[in-house]
Amino acid sequence: MACYVYVLGSASGDDYRTYVGWTSDLEARLAKHNAGTGARSTRGRQWQLLYAERYLNRGEAMSREWHIKRDRKFRKRLGLDWRN
């Protein structure tokens, strides 16, 4: 089963946030985040998919998610590209 690691972005005024996660269905997961039924930290905001990578299994996706979560420079660069 293919799995995806994704980065979401949300801007509200001067407040900009990113969220990193993994899933087997990108469209359904984004819809859950935007419906307020995703992760608690994503509720109450509108999110856009900024970046995604495809992996062959859950373990690889979860490992990459861990690395992206710690790479703040990468996430910030994605956000700057998205907002401009």
PDB file of N, CA and C in Angstrom:
ATOM      1  N   MET A   1       0.843  -1.183   0.000  1.00  0.00           N
ATOM      2  CA  MET A   1       0.000   0.000   0.000  1.00  0.00           C
ATOM      3  C   MET A   1       0.888   1.246   0.000  1.00  0.00           C
ATOM      4  N   ALA A   2       0.649   2.141  -0.913  1.00  0.00           N
ATOM      5  CA  ALA A   2       1.409   3.387  -0.979  1.00  0.00           C
ATOM      6  C   ALA A   2       0.999   4.313   0.159  1.00  0.00           C
ATOM      7  N   CYS A   3       1.975   5.003   0.700  1.00  0.00           N
ATOM      8  CA  CYS A   3       1.739   5.985   1.757  1.00  0.00           C
ATOM      9  C   CYS A   3       2.404   7.295   1.359  1.00  0.00           C
ATOM     10  N   TYR A   4       1.899   8.380   1.890  1.00  0.00           N
ATOM     11  CA  TYR A   4       2.389   9.702   1.556  1.00  0.00           C
ATOM     12  C   TYR A   4       2.765  10.461   2.820  1.00  0.00           C
ATOM     13  N   VAL A   5       3.818  11.233   2.715  1.00  0.00           N
ATOM     14  CA  VAL A   5       4.176  12.215   3.730  1.00  0.00           C
ATOM     15  C   VAL A   5       3.784  13.551   3.127  1.00  0.00           C
ATOM     16  N   TYR A   6       3.157  14.399   3.917  1.00  0.00           N
ATOM     17  CA  TYR A   6       2.673  15.667   3.365  1.00  0.00           C
ATOM     18  C   TYR A   6       2.959  16.823   4.315  1.00  0.00           C
ATOM     19  N   VAL A   7       3.015  18.012   3.714  1.00  0.00           N
ATOM     20  CA  VAL A   7       3.161  19.240   4.490  1.00  0.00           C
ATOM     21  C   VAL A   7       1.997  20.136   4.096  1.00  0.00           C
ATOM     22  N   LEU A   8       1.261  20.593   5.094  1.00  0.00           N
ATOM     23  CA  LEU A   8       0.153  21.526   4.890  1.00  0.00           C
ATOM     24  C   LEU A   8       0.574  22.902   5.359  1.00  0.00           C
ATOM     25  N   GLY A   9      -0.029  23.926   4.773  1.00  0.00           N
ATOM     26  CA  GLY A   9       0.211  25.289   5.201  1.00  0.00           C
ATOM     27  C   GLY A   9      -1.094  26.014   5.425  1.00  0.00           C
ATOM     28  N   SER A  10      -1.099  26.913   6.399  1.00  0.00           N
ATOM     29  CA  SER A  10      -2.279  27.711   6.695  1.00  0.00           C
ATOM     30  C   SER A  10      -1.832  29.090   7.156  1.00  0.00           C
ATOM     31  N   ALA A  11      -2.429  30.116   6.563  1.00  0.00           N
ATOM     32  CA  ALA A  11      -2.102  31.488   6.944  1.00  0.00           C
ATOM     33  C   ALA A  11      -3.376  32.200   7.383  1.00  0.00           C
ATOM     34  N   SER A  12      -3.259  32.928   8.478  1.00  0.00           N
ATOM     35  CA  SER A  12      -4.363  33.732   8.988  1.00  0.00           C
ATOM     36  C   SER A  12      -3.759  35.042   9.483  1.00  0.00           C
ATOM     37  N   GLY A  13      -3.854  36.075   8.662  1.00  0.00           N
ATOM     38  CA  GLY A  13      -3.203  37.337   9.008  1.00  0.00           C
ATOM     39  C   GLY A  13      -1.699  37.143   9.020  1.00  0.00           C
ATOM     40  N   ASP A  14      -1.068  37.510  10.124  1.00  0.00           N
ATOM     41  CA  ASP A  14       0.378  37.331  10.265  1.00  0.00           C
ATOM     42  C   ASP A  14       0.751  35.946  10.778  1.00  0.00           C
ATOM     43  N   ASP A  15      -0.241  35.162  11.187  1.00  0.00           N
ATOM     44  CA  ASP A  15       0.011  33.833  11.748  1.00  0.00           C
ATOM     45  C   ASP A  15       0.087  32.803  10.625  1.00  0.00           C
ATOM     46  N   TYR A  16       1.258  32.197  10.463  1.00  0.00           N
ATOM     47  CA  TYR A  16       1.467  31.171   9.449  1.00  0.00           C
ATOM     48  C   TYR A  16       1.908  29.885  10.132  1.00  0.00           C
ATOM     49  N   ARG A  17       1.306  28.777   9.740  1.00  0.00           N
ATOM     50  CA  ARG A  17       1.651  27.493  10.344  1.00  0.00           C
ATOM     51  C   ARG A  17       1.790  26.415   9.280  1.00  0.00           C
ATOM     52  N   THR A  18       2.606  25.424   9.615  1.00  0.00           N
ATOM     53  CA  THR A  18       2.702  24.232   8.786  1.00  0.00           C
ATOM     54  C   THR A  18       2.351  23.031   9.642  1.00  0.00           C
ATOM     55  N   TYR A  19       1.936  21.974   8.982  1.00  0.00           N
ATOM     56  CA  TYR A  19       1.628  20.723   9.647  1.00  0.00           C
ATOM     57  C   TYR A  19       2.197  19.602   8.796  1.00  0.00           C
ATOM     58  N   VAL A  20       2.862  18.642   9.416  1.00  0.00           N
ATOM     59  CA  VAL A  20       3.442  17.503   8.712  1.00  0.00           C
ATOM     60  C   VAL A  20       2.757  16.233   9.182  1.00  0.00           C
ATOM     61  N   GLY A  21       2.377  15.381   8.245  1.00  0.00           N
ATOM     62  CA  GLY A  21       1.745  14.117   8.599  1.00  0.00           C
ATOM     63  C   GLY A  21       1.985  13.069   7.530  1.00  0.00           C
ATOM     64  N   TRP A  22       1.394  11.900   7.720  1.00  0.00           N
ATOM     65  CA  TRP A  22       1.465  10.850   6.708  1.00  0.00           C
ATOM     66  C   TRP A  22       0.080  10.225   6.573  1.00  0.00           C
ATOM     67  N   THR A  23      -0.191   9.653   5.411  1.00  0.00           N
ATOM     68  CA  THR A  23      -1.491   9.061   5.132  1.00  0.00           C
ATOM     69  C   THR A  23      -1.391   8.117   3.947  1.00  0.00           C
ATOM     70  N   SER A  24      -2.424   7.342   3.733  1.00  0.00           N
ATOM     71  CA  SER A  24      -2.498   6.510   2.532  1.00  0.00           C
ATOM     72  C   SER A  24      -3.447   7.131   1.506  1.00  0.00           C
ATOM     73  N   ASP A  25      -4.166   8.207   1.885  1.00  0.00           N
ATOM     74  CA  ASP A  25      -5.101   8.886   0.979  1.00  0.00           C
ATOM     75  C   ASP A  25      -5.008  10.398   1.207  1.00  0.00           C
ATOM     76  N   LEU A  26      -4.242  11.073   0.361  1.00  0.00           N
ATOM     77  CA  LEU A  26      -3.998  12.520   0.540  1.00  0.00           C
ATOM     78  C   LEU A  26      -5.272  13.349   0.491  1.00  0.00           C
ATOM     79  N   GLU A  27      -6.121  13.109  -0.500  1.00  0.00           N
ATOM     80  CA  GLU A  27      -7.330  13.934  -0.650  1.00  0.00           C
ATOM     81  C   GLU A  27      -8.252  13.799   0.548  1.00  0.00           C
ATOM     82  N   ALA A  28      -8.465  12.578   1.006  1.00  0.00           N
ATOM     83  CA  ALA A  28      -9.343  12.359   2.159  1.00  0.00           C
ATOM     84  C   ALA A  28      -8.754  12.981   3.416  1.00  0.00           C
ATOM     85  N   ARG A  29      -7.448  12.870   3.581  1.00  0.00           N
ATOM     86  CA  ARG A  29      -6.813  13.422   4.785  1.00  0.00           C
ATOM     87  C   ARG A  29      -6.896  14.940   4.816  1.00  0.00           C
ATOM     88  N   LEU A  30      -6.651  15.593   3.682  1.00  0.00           N
ATOM     89  CA  LEU A  30      -6.768  17.052   3.620  1.00  0.00           C
ATOM     90  C   LEU A  30      -8.206  17.474   3.921  1.00  0.00           C
ATOM     91  N   ALA A  31      -9.171  16.742   3.387  1.00  0.00           N
ATOM     92  CA  ALA A  31     -10.578  17.050   3.655  1.00  0.00           C
ATOM     93  C   ALA A  31     -10.881  16.933   5.147  1.00  0.00           C
ATOM     94  N   LYS A  32     -10.327  15.931   5.811  1.00  0.00           N
ATOM     95  CA  LYS A  32     -10.541  15.781   7.262  1.00  0.00           C
ATOM     96  C   LYS A  32      -9.945  16.951   8.026  1.00  0.00           C
ATOM     97  N   HIS A  33      -8.734  17.350   7.654  1.00  0.00           N
ATOM     98  CA  HIS A  33      -8.116  18.498   8.333  1.00  0.00           C
ATOM     99  C   HIS A  33      -8.978  19.749   8.163  1.00  0.00           C
ATOM    100  N   ASN A  34      -9.461  19.990   6.963  1.00  0.00           N
ATOM    101  CA  ASN A  34     -10.248  21.195   6.706  1.00  0.00           C
ATOM    102  C   ASN A  34     -11.657  21.113   7.292  1.00  0.00           C
ATOM    103  N   ALA A  35     -12.134  19.909   7.571  1.00  0.00           N
ATOM    104  CA  ALA A  35     -13.454  19.745   8.191  1.00  0.00           C
ATOM    105  C   ALA A  35     -13.378  19.824   9.714  1.00  0.00           C
ATOM    106  N   GLY A  36     -12.155  19.893  10.250  1.00  0.00           N
ATOM    107  CA  GLY A  36     -11.996  19.986  11.701  1.00  0.00           C
ATOM    108  C   GLY A  36     -11.970  18.640  12.387  1.00  0.00           C
ATOM    109  N   THR A  37     -11.849  17.557  11.609  1.00  0.00           N
ATOM    110  CA  THR A  37     -11.828  16.220  12.214  1.00  0.00           C
ATOM    111  C   THR A  37     -10.457  15.563  12.093  1.00  0.00           C
ATOM    112  N   GLY A  38      -9.458  16.343  11.696  1.00  0.00           N
ATOM    113  CA  GLY A  38      -8.085  15.824  11.624  1.00  0.00           C
ATOM    114  C   GLY A  38      -7.415  15.989  12.966  1.00  0.00           C
ATOM    115  N   ALA A  39      -6.121  16.165  12.953  1.00  0.00           N
ATOM    116  CA  ALA A  39      -5.358  16.355  14.190  1.00  0.00           C
ATOM    117  C   ALA A  39      -5.852  17.594  14.940  1.00  0.00           C
ATOM    118  N   ARG A  40      -5.766  17.544  16.250  1.00  0.00           N
ATOM    119  CA  ARG A  40      -6.260  18.655  17.073  1.00  0.00           C
ATOM    120  C   ARG A  40      -5.596  19.982  16.705  1.00  0.00           C
ATOM    121  N   SER A  41      -4.313  19.949  16.400  1.00  0.00           N
ATOM    122  CA  SER A  41      -3.586  21.185  16.096  1.00  0.00           C
ATOM    123  C   SER A  41      -3.981  21.801  14.756  1.00  0.00           C
ATOM    124  N   THR A  42      -4.748  21.093  13.945  1.00  0.00           N
ATOM    125  CA  THR A  42      -5.150  21.635  12.643  1.00  0.00           C
ATOM    126  C   THR A  42      -6.585  22.154  12.650  1.00  0.00           C
ATOM    127  N   ARG A  43      -7.290  21.985  13.721  1.00  0.00           N
ATOM    128  CA  ARG A  43      -8.710  22.373  13.760  1.00  0.00           C
ATOM    129  C   ARG A  43      -8.891  23.888  13.734  1.00  0.00           C
ATOM    130  N   GLY A  44      -9.940  24.331  13.045  1.00  0.00           N
ATOM    131  CA  GLY A  44     -10.284  25.742  13.015  1.00  0.00           C
ATOM    132  C   GLY A  44      -9.508  26.550  11.989  1.00  0.00           C
ATOM    133  N   ARG A  45      -8.778  25.891  11.094  1.00  0.00           N
ATOM    134  CA  ARG A  45      -7.997  26.586  10.072  1.00  0.00           C
ATOM    135  C   ARG A  45      -8.269  25.937   8.725  1.00  0.00           C
ATOM    136  N   GLN A  46      -8.036  26.689   7.676  1.00  0.00           N
ATOM    137  CA  GLN A  46      -8.103  26.136   6.321  1.00  0.00           C
ATOM    138  C   GLN A  46      -6.682  25.833   5.867  1.00  0.00           C
ATOM    139  N   TRP A  47      -6.471  24.623   5.379  1.00  0.00           N
ATOM    140  CA  TRP A  47      -5.147  24.144   5.020  1.00  0.00           C
ATOM    141  C   TRP A  47      -5.035  23.911   3.523  1.00  0.00           C
ATOM    142  N   GLN A  48      -3.814  24.102   3.024  1.00  0.00           N
ATOM    143  CA  GLN A  48      -3.504  23.802   1.634  1.00  0.00           C
ATOM    144  C   GLN A  48      -2.326  22.844   1.609  1.00  0.00           C
ATOM    145  N   LEU A  49      -2.365  21.914   0.674  1.00  0.00           N
ATOM    146  CA  LEU A  49      -1.260  20.990   0.512  1.00  0.00           C
ATOM    147  C   LEU A  49      -0.092  21.725  -0.129  1.00  0.00           C
ATOM    148  N   LEU A  50       1.045  21.761   0.564  1.00  0.00           N
ATOM    149  CA  LEU A  50       2.236  22.441   0.059  1.00  0.00           C
ATOM    150  C   LEU A  50       3.218  21.475  -0.582  1.00  0.00           C
ATOM    151  N   TYR A  51       3.245  20.230  -0.081  1.00  0.00           N
ATOM    152  CA  TYR A  51       4.294  19.303  -0.491  1.00  0.00           C
ATOM    153  C   TYR A  51       3.881  17.881  -0.139  1.00  0.00           C
ATOM    154  N   ALA A  52       4.247  16.931  -0.977  1.00  0.00           N
ATOM    155  CA  ALA A  52       3.967  15.523  -0.686  1.00  0.00           C
ATOM    156  C   ALA A  52       5.038  14.635  -1.314  1.00  0.00           C
ATOM    157  N   GLU A  53       5.324  13.537  -0.643  1.00  0.00           N
ATOM    158  CA  GLU A  53       6.241  12.514  -1.136  1.00  0.00           C
ATOM    159  C   GLU A  53       5.537  11.168  -1.021  1.00  0.00           C
ATOM    160  N   ARG A  54       5.767  10.283  -1.981  1.00  0.00           N
ATOM    161  CA  ARG A  54       5.142   8.957  -1.987  1.00  0.00           C
ATOM    162  C   ARG A  54       6.161   7.904  -1.557  1.00  0.00           C
ATOM    163  N   TYR A  55       5.700   6.964  -0.709  1.00  0.00           N
ATOM    164  CA  TYR A  55       6.536   5.875  -0.235  1.00  0.00           C
ATOM    165  C   TYR A  55       5.813   4.547  -0.417  1.00  0.00           C
ATOM    166  N   LEU A  56       6.569   3.485  -0.456  1.00  0.00           N
ATOM    167  CA  LEU A  56       6.005   2.159  -0.692  1.00  0.00           C
ATOM    168  C   LEU A  56       5.323   1.571   0.533  1.00  0.00           C
ATOM    169  N   ASN A  57       5.730   2.004   1.727  1.00  0.00           N
ATOM    170  CA  ASN A  57       5.112   1.438   2.923  1.00  0.00           C
ATOM    171  C   ASN A  57       5.043   2.466   4.050  1.00  0.00           C
ATOM    172  N   ARG A  58       4.298   2.109   5.066  1.00  0.00           N
ATOM    173  CA  ARG A  58       4.050   2.992   6.198  1.00  0.00           C
ATOM    174  C   ARG A  58       5.323   3.333   6.968  1.00  0.00           C
ATOM    175  N   GLY A  59       6.190   2.366   7.161  1.00  0.00           N
ATOM    176  CA  GLY A  59       7.418   2.588   7.913  1.00  0.00           C
ATOM    177  C   GLY A  59       8.301   3.652   7.287  1.00  0.00           C
ATOM    178  N   GLU A  60       8.465   3.592   5.963  1.00  0.00           N
ATOM    179  CA  GLU A  60       9.273   4.602   5.264  1.00  0.00           C
ATOM    180  C   GLU A  60       8.634   5.980   5.386  1.00  0.00           C
ATOM    181  N   ALA A  61       7.315   6.035   5.239  1.00  0.00           N
ATOM    182  CA  ALA A  61       6.602   7.318   5.332  1.00  0.00           C
ATOM    183  C   ALA A  61       6.732   7.912   6.737  1.00  0.00           C
ATOM    184  N   MET A  62       6.586   7.089   7.747  1.00  0.00           N
ATOM    185  CA  MET A  62       6.672   7.575   9.125  1.00  0.00           C
ATOM    186  C   MET A  62       8.086   8.062   9.453  1.00  0.00           C
ATOM    187  N   SER A  63       9.080   7.388   8.928  1.00  0.00           N
ATOM    188  CA  SER A  63      10.458   7.819   9.145  1.00  0.00           C
ATOM    189  C   SER A  63      10.710   9.179   8.497  1.00  0.00           C
ATOM    190  N   ARG A  64      10.236   9.338   7.274  1.00  0.00           N
ATOM    191  CA  ARG A  64      10.423  10.616   6.578  1.00  0.00           C
ATOM    192  C   ARG A  64       9.638  11.722   7.272  1.00  0.00           C
ATOM    193  N   GLU A  65       8.437  11.424   7.752  1.00  0.00           N
ATOM    194  CA  GLU A  65       7.646  12.410   8.494  1.00  0.00           C
ATOM    195  C   GLU A  65       8.449  12.922   9.687  1.00  0.00           C
ATOM    196  N   TRP A  66       9.084  12.034  10.423  1.00  0.00           N
ATOM    197  CA  TRP A  66       9.887  12.400  11.590  1.00  0.00           C
ATOM    198  C   TRP A  66      10.977  13.384  11.190  1.00  0.00           C
ATOM    199  N   HIS A  67      11.642  13.120  10.065  1.00  0.00           N
ATOM    200  CA  HIS A  67      12.720  14.001   9.615  1.00  0.00           C
ATOM    201  C   HIS A  67      12.201  15.366   9.154  1.00  0.00           C
ATOM    202  N   ILE A  68      11.105  15.378   8.432  1.00  0.00           N
ATOM    203  CA  ILE A  68      10.560  16.656   7.954  1.00  0.00           C
ATOM    204  C   ILE A  68      10.080  17.512   9.129  1.00  0.00           C
ATOM    205  N   LYS A  69       9.493  16.895  10.129  1.00  0.00           N
ATOM    206  CA  LYS A  69       9.023  17.651  11.296  1.00  0.00           C
ATOM    207  C   LYS A  69      10.161  18.397  11.978  1.00  0.00           C
ATOM    208  N   ARG A  70      11.350  17.859  11.915  1.00  0.00           N
ATOM    209  CA  ARG A  70      12.500  18.488  12.557  1.00  0.00           C
ATOM    210  C   ARG A  70      13.267  19.433  11.657  1.00  0.00           C
ATOM    211  N   ASP A  71      12.902  19.491  10.394  1.00  0.00           N
ATOM    212  CA  ASP A  71      13.590  20.347   9.425  1.00  0.00           C
ATOM    213  C   ASP A  71      12.816  21.661   9.258  1.00  0.00           C
ATOM    214  N   ARG A  72      12.969  22.553  10.219  1.00  0.00           N
ATOM    215  CA  ARG A  72      12.217  23.812  10.210  1.00  0.00           C
ATOM    216  C   ARG A  72      12.581  24.709   9.028  1.00  0.00           C
ATOM    217  N   LYS A  73      13.838  24.665   8.601  1.00  0.00           N
ATOM    218  CA  LYS A  73      14.243  25.482   7.448  1.00  0.00           C
ATOM    219  C   LYS A  73      13.477  25.067   6.200  1.00  0.00           C
ATOM    220  N   PHE A  74      13.331  23.764   5.999  1.00  0.00           N
ATOM    221  CA  PHE A  74      12.593  23.252   4.846  1.00  0.00           C
ATOM    222  C   PHE A  74      11.130  23.694   4.901  1.00  0.00           C
ATOM    223  N   ARG A  75      10.510  23.551   6.062  1.00  0.00           N
ATOM    224  CA  ARG A  75       9.107  23.930   6.213  1.00  0.00           C
ATOM    225  C   ARG A  75       8.917  25.435   6.024  1.00  0.00           C
ATOM    226  N   LYS A  76       9.839  26.227   6.543  1.00  0.00           N
ATOM    227  CA  LYS A  76       9.747  27.673   6.390  1.00  0.00           C
ATOM    228  C   LYS A  76       9.884  28.066   4.921  1.00  0.00           C
ATOM    229  N   ARG A  77      10.815  27.422   4.216  1.00  0.00           N
ATOM    230  CA  ARG A  77      11.015  27.699   2.794  1.00  0.00           C
ATOM    231  C   ARG A  77       9.756  27.353   1.991  1.00  0.00           C
ATOM    232  N   LEU A  78       9.118  26.256   2.320  1.00  0.00           N
ATOM    233  CA  LEU A  78       7.852  25.896   1.654  1.00  0.00           C
ATOM    234  C   LEU A  78       6.812  26.990   1.870  1.00  0.00           C
ATOM    235  N   GLY A  79       6.734  27.470   3.085  1.00  0.00           N
ATOM    236  CA  GLY A  79       5.764  28.511   3.421  1.00  0.00           C
ATOM    237  C   GLY A  79       6.033  29.807   2.701  1.00  0.00           C
ATOM    238  N   LEU A  80       7.292  30.190   2.586  1.00  0.00           N
ATOM    239  CA  LEU A  80       7.632  31.429   1.884  1.00  0.00           C
ATOM    240  C   LEU A  80       7.286  31.326   0.414  1.00  0.00           C
ATOM    241  N   ASP A  81       7.573  30.171  -0.186  1.00  0.00           N
ATOM    242  CA  ASP A  81       7.231  29.956  -1.598  1.00  0.00           C
ATOM    243  C   ASP A  81       5.735  30.005  -1.810  1.00  0.00           C
ATOM    244  N   TRP A  82       4.988  29.426  -0.866  1.00  0.00           N
ATOM    245  CA  TRP A  82       3.540  29.346  -1.001  1.00  0.00           C
ATOM    246  C   TRP A  82       2.872  30.710  -0.853  1.00  0.00           C
ATOM    247  N   ARG A  83       3.352  31.512   0.085  1.00  0.00           N
ATOM    248  CA  ARG A  83       2.710  32.810   0.344  1.00  0.00           C
ATOM    249  C   ARG A  83       3.057  33.855  -0.685  1.00  0.00           C
ATOM    250  N   ASN A  84       4.147  33.697  -1.418  1.00  0.00           N
ATOM    251  CA  ASN A  84       4.533  34.698  -2.426  1.00  0.00           C
ATOM    252  C   ASN A  84       3.954  34.400  -3.767  1.00  0.00           C
TER     253      ASN A  84
END
